[in-house]
Every structure is written in C-alpha cells, then in structure tokens.
Amino acid sequence: MPYSIAILPTALRDLARLPAPEQKRLSRKIDQLAQDPSPPGTRRLHGKREYFRLRSGDYRIIYAVEDDGHRVLVVKVGHRREIYERL
C-alpha cells in the first residue's frame, strides 16, 4: 500500500526558493517516498530520532514516517550547509 505524502508549508516555501532543476529533482525524490519511505541512502537524524534524511546532490530532504497512518511528512528541504541549523 503506497504512503500518502504531506509537505509542511515551510518545506514548500524552501522548495520554491531553489533553482528549477533542483526543484524537479527533489520533487521526484519526494514522490518516490510514497512507494518506499526508506530508500537506499536514507539515514535517521542523530538528535531527532523521528526524522530521516534523504540526500539528493548537495540538497537534503528531512521527513518523518507515520507507519500507522501510512503517511510521509516532509518537514524541510534545503542545502546541506544550512538545513540542519533550524531543526
């Protein structure tokens, strides 16, 4: 059963600020999370055990998986240099 994807408004704003090619690549990665919420390369964040990190080049997608509701909640999207500062 595929997961539903929910994106927080702050993550949508972060995504909209990125260059168009990066937006497309990250959007495809987010869409793929519906089929597999733990794709290869996914890691748990150390300080925030409920969050996962997915790499895409120099950008990161921070998300949580709600298995009971079959939902993936995208929390943040951004460059690796600054994404972890505001969690």
PDB file of N, CA and C in Angstrom:
ATOM      1  N   MET A   1       0.856  -1.184   0.000  1.00  0.00           N
ATOM      2  CA  MET A   1       0.000   0.000   0.000  1.00  0.00           C
ATOM      3  C   MET A   1       0.897   1.241   0.000  1.00  0.00           C
ATOM      4  N   PRO A   2       0.722   2.132  -0.953  1.00  0.00           N
ATOM      5  CA  PRO A   2       1.567   3.331  -1.007  1.00  0.00           C
ATOM      6  C   PRO A   2       1.244   4.304   0.126  1.00  0.00           C
ATOM      7  N   TYR A   3       2.240   5.036   0.517  1.00  0.00           N
ATOM      8  CA  TYR A   3       2.095   6.053   1.549  1.00  0.00           C
ATOM      9  C   TYR A   3       1.595   7.340   0.903  1.00  0.00           C
ATOM     10  N   SER A   4       0.882   8.138   1.666  1.00  0.00           N
ATOM     11  CA  SER A   4       0.498   9.462   1.182  1.00  0.00           C
ATOM     12  C   SER A   4       1.614  10.432   1.580  1.00  0.00           C
ATOM     13  N   ILE A   5       1.769  11.486   0.810  1.00  0.00           N
ATOM     14  CA  ILE A   5       2.813  12.473   1.049  1.00  0.00           C
ATOM     15  C   ILE A   5       2.155  13.761   1.544  1.00  0.00           C
ATOM     16  N   ALA A   6       2.659  14.276   2.651  1.00  0.00           N
ATOM     17  CA  ALA A   6       2.230  15.577   3.162  1.00  0.00           C
ATOM     18  C   ALA A   6       3.485  16.441   3.295  1.00  0.00           C
ATOM     19  N   ILE A   7       3.401  17.667   2.803  1.00  0.00           N
ATOM     20  CA  ILE A   7       4.548  18.579   2.853  1.00  0.00           C
ATOM     21  C   ILE A   7       4.152  19.800   3.663  1.00  0.00           C
ATOM     22  N   LEU A   8       4.931  20.099   4.698  1.00  0.00           N
ATOM     23  CA  LEU A   8       4.647  21.278   5.507  1.00  0.00           C
ATOM     24  C   LEU A   8       4.798  22.542   4.666  1.00  0.00           C
ATOM     25  N   PRO A   9       4.029  23.582   4.973  1.00  0.00           N
ATOM     26  CA  PRO A   9       4.130  24.841   4.209  1.00  0.00           C
ATOM     27  C   PRO A   9       5.541  25.423   4.201  1.00  0.00           C
ATOM     28  N   THR A  10       6.274  25.275   5.286  1.00  0.00           N
ATOM     29  CA  THR A  10       7.651  25.790   5.314  1.00  0.00           C
ATOM     30  C   THR A  10       8.533  25.027   4.333  1.00  0.00           C
ATOM     31  N   ALA A  11       8.323  23.716   4.207  1.00  0.00           N
ATOM     32  CA  ALA A  11       9.093  22.921   3.252  1.00  0.00           C
ATOM     33  C   ALA A  11       8.731  23.299   1.823  1.00  0.00           C
ATOM     34  N   LEU A  12       7.462  23.607   1.575  1.00  0.00           N
ATOM     35  CA  LEU A  12       7.055  24.062   0.234  1.00  0.00           C
ATOM     36  C   LEU A  12       7.728  25.385  -0.119  1.00  0.00           C
ATOM     37  N   ARG A  13       7.813  26.303   0.842  1.00  0.00           N
ATOM     38  CA  ARG A  13       8.497  27.575   0.594  1.00  0.00           C
ATOM     39  C   ARG A  13       9.978  27.353   0.333  1.00  0.00           C
ATOM     40  N   ASP A  14      10.594  26.468   1.124  1.00  0.00           N
ATOM     41  CA  ASP A  14      12.009  26.162   0.914  1.00  0.00           C
ATOM     42  C   ASP A  14      12.233  25.592  -0.483  1.00  0.00           C
ATOM     43  N   LEU A  15      11.362  24.705  -0.909  1.00  0.00           N
ATOM     44  CA  LEU A  15      11.480  24.091  -2.223  1.00  0.00           C
ATOM     45  C   LEU A  15      11.300  25.126  -3.334  1.00  0.00           C
ATOM     46  N   ALA A  16      10.370  26.047  -3.151  1.00  0.00           N
ATOM     47  CA  ALA A  16      10.108  27.074  -4.166  1.00  0.00           C
ATOM     48  C   ALA A  16      11.277  28.032  -4.345  1.00  0.00           C
ATOM     49  N   ARG A  17      12.110  28.181  -3.329  1.00  0.00           N
ATOM     50  CA  ARG A  17      13.257  29.091  -3.393  1.00  0.00           C
ATOM     51  C   ARG A  17      14.454  28.495  -4.137  1.00  0.00           C
ATOM     52  N   LEU A  18      14.429  27.204  -4.400  1.00  0.00           N
ATOM     53  CA  LEU A  18      15.562  26.532  -5.037  1.00  0.00           C
ATOM     54  C   LEU A  18      15.526  26.711  -6.552  1.00  0.00           C
ATOM     55  N   PRO A  19      16.675  26.525  -7.219  1.00  0.00           N
ATOM     56  CA  PRO A  19      16.699  26.589  -8.682  1.00  0.00           C
ATOM     57  C   PRO A  19      15.779  25.526  -9.288  1.00  0.00           C
ATOM     58  N   ALA A  20      15.231  25.818 -10.460  1.00  0.00           N
ATOM     59  CA  ALA A  20      14.245  24.936 -11.105  1.00  0.00           C
ATOM     60  C   ALA A  20      14.740  23.501 -11.291  1.00  0.00           C
ATOM     61  N   PRO A  21      15.970  23.260 -11.751  1.00  0.00           N
ATOM     62  CA  PRO A  21      16.404  21.857 -11.901  1.00  0.00           C
ATOM     63  C   PRO A  21      16.425  21.105 -10.570  1.00  0.00           C
ATOM     64  N   GLU A  22      16.815  21.796  -9.507  1.00  0.00           N
ATOM     65  CA  GLU A  22      16.826  21.160  -8.187  1.00  0.00           C
ATOM     66  C   GLU A  22      15.414  20.884  -7.699  1.00  0.00           C
ATOM     67  N   GLN A  23      14.492  21.804  -7.973  1.00  0.00           N
ATOM     68  CA  GLN A  23      13.089  21.601  -7.583  1.00  0.00           C
ATOM     69  C   GLN A  23      12.546  20.331  -8.221  1.00  0.00           C
ATOM     70  N   LYS A  24      12.821  20.139  -9.490  1.00  0.00           N
ATOM     71  CA  LYS A  24      12.322  18.952 -10.196  1.00  0.00           C
ATOM     72  C   LYS A  24      12.919  17.678  -9.622  1.00  0.00           C
ATOM     73  N   ARG A  25      14.228  17.699  -9.393  1.00  0.00           N
ATOM     74  CA  ARG A  25      14.896  16.505  -8.878  1.00  0.00           C
ATOM     75  C   ARG A  25      14.389  16.161  -7.481  1.00  0.00           C
ATOM     76  N   LEU A  26      14.270  17.164  -6.621  1.00  0.00           N
ATOM     77  CA  LEU A  26      13.790  16.921  -5.264  1.00  0.00           C
ATOM     78  C   LEU A  26      12.323  16.508  -5.251  1.00  0.00           C
ATOM     79  N   SER A  27      11.520  17.081  -6.147  1.00  0.00           N
ATOM     80  CA  SER A  27      10.103  16.688  -6.229  1.00  0.00           C
ATOM     81  C   SER A  27       9.966  15.225  -6.627  1.00  0.00           C
ATOM     82  N   ARG A  28      10.803  14.770  -7.549  1.00  0.00           N
ATOM     83  CA  ARG A  28      10.772  13.350  -7.938  1.00  0.00           C
ATOM     84  C   ARG A  28      11.150  12.457  -6.759  1.00  0.00           C
ATOM     85  N   LYS A  29      12.163  12.879  -6.002  1.00  0.00           N
ATOM     86  CA  LYS A  29      12.581  12.100  -4.824  1.00  0.00           C
ATOM     87  C   LYS A  29      11.458  12.033  -3.798  1.00  0.00           C
ATOM     88  N   ILE A  30      10.782  13.148  -3.576  1.00  0.00           N
ATOM     89  CA  ILE A  30       9.672  13.181  -2.616  1.00  0.00           C
ATOM     90  C   ILE A  30       8.546  12.270  -3.096  1.00  0.00           C
ATOM     91  N   ASP A  31       8.232  12.319  -4.388  1.00  0.00           N
ATOM     92  CA  ASP A  31       7.178  11.445  -4.928  1.00  0.00           C
ATOM     93  C   ASP A  31       7.537   9.967  -4.766  1.00  0.00           C
ATOM     94  N   GLN A  32       8.811   9.632  -4.892  1.00  0.00           N
ATOM     95  CA  GLN A  32       9.243   8.242  -4.753  1.00  0.00           C
ATOM     96  C   GLN A  32       9.103   7.738  -3.319  1.00  0.00           C
ATOM     97  N   LEU A  33       9.079   8.652  -2.354  1.00  0.00           N
ATOM     98  CA  LEU A  33       8.904   8.251  -0.955  1.00  0.00           C
ATOM     99  C   LEU A  33       7.547   7.596  -0.717  1.00  0.00           C
ATOM    100  N   ALA A  34       6.571   7.869  -1.571  1.00  0.00           N
ATOM    101  CA  ALA A  34       5.254   7.249  -1.425  1.00  0.00           C
ATOM    102  C   ALA A  34       5.342   5.739  -1.630  1.00  0.00           C
ATOM    103  N   GLN A  35       6.221   5.297  -2.517  1.00  0.00           N
ATOM    104  CA  GLN A  35       6.376   3.865  -2.778  1.00  0.00           C
ATOM    105  C   GLN A  35       7.323   3.195  -1.792  1.00  0.00           C
ATOM    106  N   ASP A  36       8.380   3.900  -1.411  1.00  0.00           N
ATOM    107  CA  ASP A  36       9.378   3.348  -0.497  1.00  0.00           C
ATOM    108  C   ASP A  36       9.836   4.449   0.451  1.00  0.00           C
ATOM    109  N   PRO A  37       9.303   4.515   1.672  1.00  0.00           N
ATOM    110  CA  PRO A  37       9.671   5.587   2.594  1.00  0.00           C
ATOM    111  C   PRO A  37      11.083   5.450   3.176  1.00  0.00           C
ATOM    112  N   SER A  38      11.763   4.349   2.889  1.00  0.00           N
ATOM    113  CA  SER A  38      13.142   4.168   3.348  1.00  0.00           C
ATOM    114  C   SER A  38      14.022   3.713   2.185  1.00  0.00           C
ATOM    115  N   PRO A  39      14.213   4.585   1.181  1.00  0.00           N
ATOM    116  CA  PRO A  39      15.038   4.180   0.035  1.00  0.00           C
ATOM    117  C   PRO A  39      16.505   4.069   0.432  1.00  0.00           C
ATOM    118  N   PRO A  40      17.324   3.433  -0.408  1.00  0.00           N
ATOM    119  CA  PRO A  40      18.754   3.338  -0.094  1.00  0.00           C
ATOM    120  C   PRO A  40      19.358   4.732   0.105  1.00  0.00           C
ATOM    121  N   GLY A  41      20.212   4.854   1.100  1.00  0.00           N
ATOM    122  CA  GLY A  41      20.847   6.131   1.399  1.00  0.00           C
ATOM    123  C   GLY A  41      20.130   6.942   2.460  1.00  0.00           C
ATOM    124  N   THR A  42      18.995   6.468   2.921  1.00  0.00           N
ATOM    125  CA  THR A  42      18.250   7.175   3.963  1.00  0.00           C
ATOM    126  C   THR A  42      18.905   6.930   5.311  1.00  0.00           C
ATOM    127  N   ARG A  43      18.992   7.970   6.113  1.00  0.00           N
ATOM    128  CA  ARG A  43      19.574   7.855   7.452  1.00  0.00           C
ATOM    129  C   ARG A  43      18.668   8.542   8.468  1.00  0.00           C
ATOM    130  N   ARG A  44      18.676   8.013   9.684  1.00  0.00           N
ATOM    131  CA  ARG A  44      17.988   8.686  10.798  1.00  0.00           C
ATOM    132  C   ARG A  44      18.853   9.832  11.273  1.00  0.00           C
ATOM    133  N   LEU A  45      18.223  10.923  11.672  1.00  0.00           N
ATOM    134  CA  LEU A  45      18.981  12.034  12.237  1.00  0.00           C
ATOM    135  C   LEU A  45      19.336  11.704  13.683  1.00  0.00           C
ATOM    136  N   HIS A  46      20.537  12.032  14.091  1.00  0.00           N
ATOM    137  CA  HIS A  46      21.017  11.643  15.419  1.00  0.00           C
ATOM    138  C   HIS A  46      20.242  12.308  16.550  1.00  0.00           C
ATOM    139  N   GLY A  47      20.064  13.603  16.506  1.00  0.00           N
ATOM    140  CA  GLY A  47      19.397  14.294  17.604  1.00  0.00           C
ATOM    141  C   GLY A  47      17.888  14.192  17.558  1.00  0.00           C
ATOM    142  N   LYS A  48      17.356  13.901  16.395  1.00  0.00           N
ATOM    143  CA  LYS A  48      15.902  13.828  16.191  1.00  0.00           C
ATOM    144  C   LYS A  48      15.570  12.452  15.628  1.00  0.00           C
ATOM    145  N   ARG A  49      15.397  11.483  16.491  1.00  0.00           N
ATOM    146  CA  ARG A  49      15.239  10.095  16.054  1.00  0.00           C
ATOM    147  C   ARG A  49      13.998   9.857  15.197  1.00  0.00           C
ATOM    148  N   GLU A  50      13.013  10.749  15.265  1.00  0.00           N
ATOM    149  CA  GLU A  50      11.808  10.534  14.464  1.00  0.00           C
ATOM    150  C   GLU A  50      11.974  11.010  13.022  1.00  0.00           C
ATOM    151  N   TYR A  51      13.054  11.727  12.739  1.00  0.00           N
ATOM    152  CA  TYR A  51      13.278  12.277  11.402  1.00  0.00           C
ATOM    153  C   TYR A  51      14.298  11.465  10.621  1.00  0.00           C
ATOM    154  N   PHE A  52      14.090  11.436   9.303  1.00  0.00           N
ATOM    155  CA  PHE A  52      15.010  10.796   8.382  1.00  0.00           C
ATOM    156  C   PHE A  52      15.574  11.845   7.435  1.00  0.00           C
ATOM    157  N   ARG A  53      16.723  11.531   6.855  1.00  0.00           N
ATOM    158  CA  ARG A  53      17.359  12.429   5.905  1.00  0.00           C
ATOM    159  C   ARG A  53      17.582  11.663   4.611  1.00  0.00           C
ATOM    160  N   LEU A  54      17.236  12.293   3.499  1.00  0.00           N
ATOM    161  CA  LEU A  54      17.467  11.727   2.182  1.00  0.00           C
ATOM    162  C   LEU A  54      18.311  12.703   1.393  1.00  0.00           C
ATOM    163  N   ARG A  55      19.429  12.232   0.869  1.00  0.00           N
ATOM    164  CA  ARG A  55      20.341  13.080   0.104  1.00  0.00           C
ATOM    165  C   ARG A  55      19.927  13.124  -1.355  1.00  0.00           C
ATOM    166  N   SER A  56      20.152  14.287  -1.961  1.00  0.00           N
ATOM    167  CA  SER A  56      19.984  14.460  -3.399  1.00  0.00           C
ATOM    168  C   SER A  56      20.997  15.515  -3.828  1.00  0.00           C
ATOM    169  N   GLY A  57      22.192  15.063  -4.188  1.00  0.00           N
ATOM    170  CA  GLY A  57      23.257  16.005  -4.509  1.00  0.00           C
ATOM    171  C   GLY A  57      23.653  16.781  -3.265  1.00  0.00           C
ATOM    172  N   ASP A  58      23.681  18.101  -3.381  1.00  0.00           N
ATOM    173  CA  ASP A  58      24.019  18.957  -2.233  1.00  0.00           C
ATOM    174  C   ASP A  58      22.792  19.321  -1.404  1.00  0.00           C
ATOM    175  N   TYR A  59      21.647  18.774  -1.731  1.00  0.00           N
ATOM    176  CA  TYR A  59      20.402  19.110  -1.044  1.00  0.00           C
ATOM    177  C   TYR A  59      19.918  17.927  -0.213  1.00  0.00           C
ATOM    178  N   ARG A  60      19.123  18.246   0.792  1.00  0.00           N
ATOM    179  CA  ARG A  60      18.604  17.231   1.695  1.00  0.00           C
ATOM    180  C   ARG A  60      17.095  17.384   1.857  1.00  0.00           C
ATOM    181  N   ILE A  61      16.445  16.258   2.060  1.00  0.00           N
ATOM    182  CA  ILE A  61      15.015  16.217   2.369  1.00  0.00           C
ATOM    183  C   ILE A  61      14.911  15.619   3.769  1.00  0.00           C
ATOM    184  N   ILE A  62      14.322  16.354   4.691  1.00  0.00           N
ATOM    185  CA  ILE A  62      14.116  15.877   6.059  1.00  0.00           C
ATOM    186  C   ILE A  62      12.633  15.512   6.179  1.00  0.00           C
ATOM    187  N   TYR A  63      12.365  14.290   6.630  1.00  0.00           N
ATOM    188  CA  TYR A  63      10.972  13.837   6.694  1.00  0.00           C
ATOM    189  C   TYR A  63      10.766  12.867   7.841  1.00  0.00           C
ATOM    190  N   ALA A  64       9.503  12.660   8.169  1.00  0.00           N
ATOM    191  CA  ALA A  64       9.100  11.695   9.192  1.00  0.00           C
ATOM    192  C   ALA A  64       8.147  10.692   8.544  1.00  0.00           C
ATOM    193  N   VAL A  65       8.177   9.471   9.034  1.00  0.00           N
ATOM    194  CA  VAL A  65       7.294   8.425   8.516  1.00  0.00           C
ATOM    195  C   VAL A  65       6.304   8.052   9.602  1.00  0.00           C
ATOM    196  N   GLU A  66       5.033   8.142   9.268  1.00  0.00           N
ATOM    197  CA  GLU A  66       3.966   7.733  10.188  1.00  0.00           C
ATOM    198  C   GLU A  66       3.395   6.419   9.664  1.00  0.00           C
ATOM    199  N   ASP A  67       3.913   5.306  10.178  1.00  0.00           N
ATOM    200  CA  ASP A  67       3.512   3.991   9.675  1.00  0.00           C
ATOM    201  C   ASP A  67       2.048   3.661   9.954  1.00  0.00           C
ATOM    202  N   ASP A  68       1.532   4.111  11.092  1.00  0.00           N
ATOM    203  CA  ASP A  68       0.148   3.775  11.426  1.00  0.00           C
ATOM    204  C   ASP A  68      -0.839   4.437  10.474  1.00  0.00           C
ATOM    205  N   GLY A  69      -0.524   5.610   9.960  1.00  0.00           N
ATOM    206  CA  GLY A  69      -1.404   6.294   9.020  1.00  0.00           C
ATOM    207  C   GLY A  69      -0.926   6.211   7.588  1.00  0.00           C
ATOM    208  N   HIS A  70       0.141   5.458   7.351  1.00  0.00           N
ATOM    209  CA  HIS A  70       0.743   5.348   6.012  1.00  0.00           C
ATOM    210  C   HIS A  70       0.945   6.723   5.391  1.00  0.00           C
ATOM    211  N   ARG A  71       1.709   7.566   6.106  1.00  0.00           N
ATOM    212  CA  ARG A  71       1.942   8.927   5.639  1.00  0.00           C
ATOM    213  C   ARG A  71       3.414   9.294   5.808  1.00  0.00           C
ATOM    214  N   VAL A  72       3.934  10.002   4.814  1.00  0.00           N
ATOM    215  CA  VAL A  72       5.277  10.572   4.888  1.00  0.00           C
ATOM    216  C   VAL A  72       5.099  12.082   5.005  1.00  0.00           C
ATOM    217  N   LEU A  73       5.672  12.659   6.038  1.00  0.00           N
ATOM    218  CA  LEU A  73       5.561  14.093   6.292  1.00  0.00           C
ATOM    219  C   LEU A  73       6.909  14.756   6.013  1.00  0.00           C
ATOM    220  N   VAL A  74       6.972  15.558   4.943  1.00  0.00           N
ATOM    221  CA  VAL A  74       8.200  16.262   4.589  1.00  0.00           C
ATOM    222  C   VAL A  74       8.263  17.526   5.437  1.00  0.00           C
ATOM    223  N   VAL A  75       9.330  17.636   6.230  1.00  0.00           N
ATOM    224  CA  VAL A  75       9.468  18.711   7.197  1.00  0.00           C
ATOM    225  C   VAL A  75      10.298  19.865   6.647  1.00  0.00           C
ATOM    226  N   LYS A  76      11.411  19.554   5.990  1.00  0.00           N
ATOM    227  CA  LYS A  76      12.321  20.582   5.471  1.00  0.00           C
ATOM    228  C   LYS A  76      12.971  20.100   4.189  1.00  0.00           C
ATOM    229  N   VAL A  77      13.307  21.056   3.349  1.00  0.00           N
ATOM    230  CA  VAL A  77      14.058  20.808   2.126  1.00  0.00           C
ATOM    231  C   VAL A  77      15.070  21.934   2.018  1.00  0.00           C
ATOM    232  N   GLY A  78      16.328  21.595   1.747  1.00  0.00           N
ATOM    233  CA  GLY A  78      17.309  22.658   1.612  1.00  0.00           C
ATOM    234  C   GLY A  78      18.714  22.173   1.355  1.00  0.00           C
ATOM    235  N   HIS A  79      19.617  23.124   1.242  1.00  0.00           N
ATOM    236  CA  HIS A  79      21.024  22.834   1.010  1.00  0.00           C
ATOM    237  C   HIS A  79      21.637  22.219   2.258  1.00  0.00           C
ATOM    238  N   ARG A  80      22.559  21.311   2.068  1.00  0.00           N
ATOM    239  CA  ARG A  80      23.162  20.575   3.196  1.00  0.00           C
ATOM    240  C   ARG A  80      23.870  21.494   4.171  1.00  0.00           C
ATOM    241  N   ARG A  81      24.340  22.618   3.693  1.00  0.00           N
ATOM    242  CA  ARG A  81      25.101  23.549   4.529  1.00  0.00           C
ATOM    243  C   ARG A  81      24.221  24.196   5.603  1.00  0.00           C
ATOM    244  N   GLU A  82      22.941  24.359   5.324  1.00  0.00           N
ATOM    245  CA  GLU A  82      22.090  25.117   6.254  1.00  0.00           C
ATOM    246  C   GLU A  82      20.854  24.384   6.763  1.00  0.00           C
ATOM    247  N   ILE A  83      20.576  23.218   6.259  1.00  0.00           N
ATOM    248  CA  ILE A  83      19.303  22.569   6.602  1.00  0.00           C
ATOM    249  C   ILE A  83      19.241  22.108   8.057  1.00  0.00           C
ATOM    250  N   TYR A  84      20.370  21.726   8.641  1.00  0.00           N
ATOM    251  CA  TYR A  84      20.357  21.173   9.989  1.00  0.00           C
ATOM    252  C   TYR A  84      20.321  22.250  11.070  1.00  0.00           C
ATOM    253  N   GLU A  85      20.579  23.498  10.704  1.00  0.00           N
ATOM    254  CA  GLU A  85      20.625  24.587  11.682  1.00  0.00           C
ATOM    255  C   GLU A  85      19.272  24.903  12.302  1.00  0.00           C
ATOM    256  N   ARG A  86      18.214  24.761  11.540  1.00  0.00           N
ATOM    257  CA  ARG A  86      16.897  25.210  12.003  1.00  0.00           C
ATOM    258  C   ARG A  86      15.960  24.078  12.355  1.00  0.00           C
ATOM    259  N   LEU A  87      16.465  22.927  12.707  1.00  0.00           N
ATOM    260  CA  LEU A  87      15.580  21.810  13.049  1.00  0.00           C
ATOM    261  C   LEU A  87      15.129  21.867  14.488  1.00  0.00           C
TER     262      LEU A  87
END
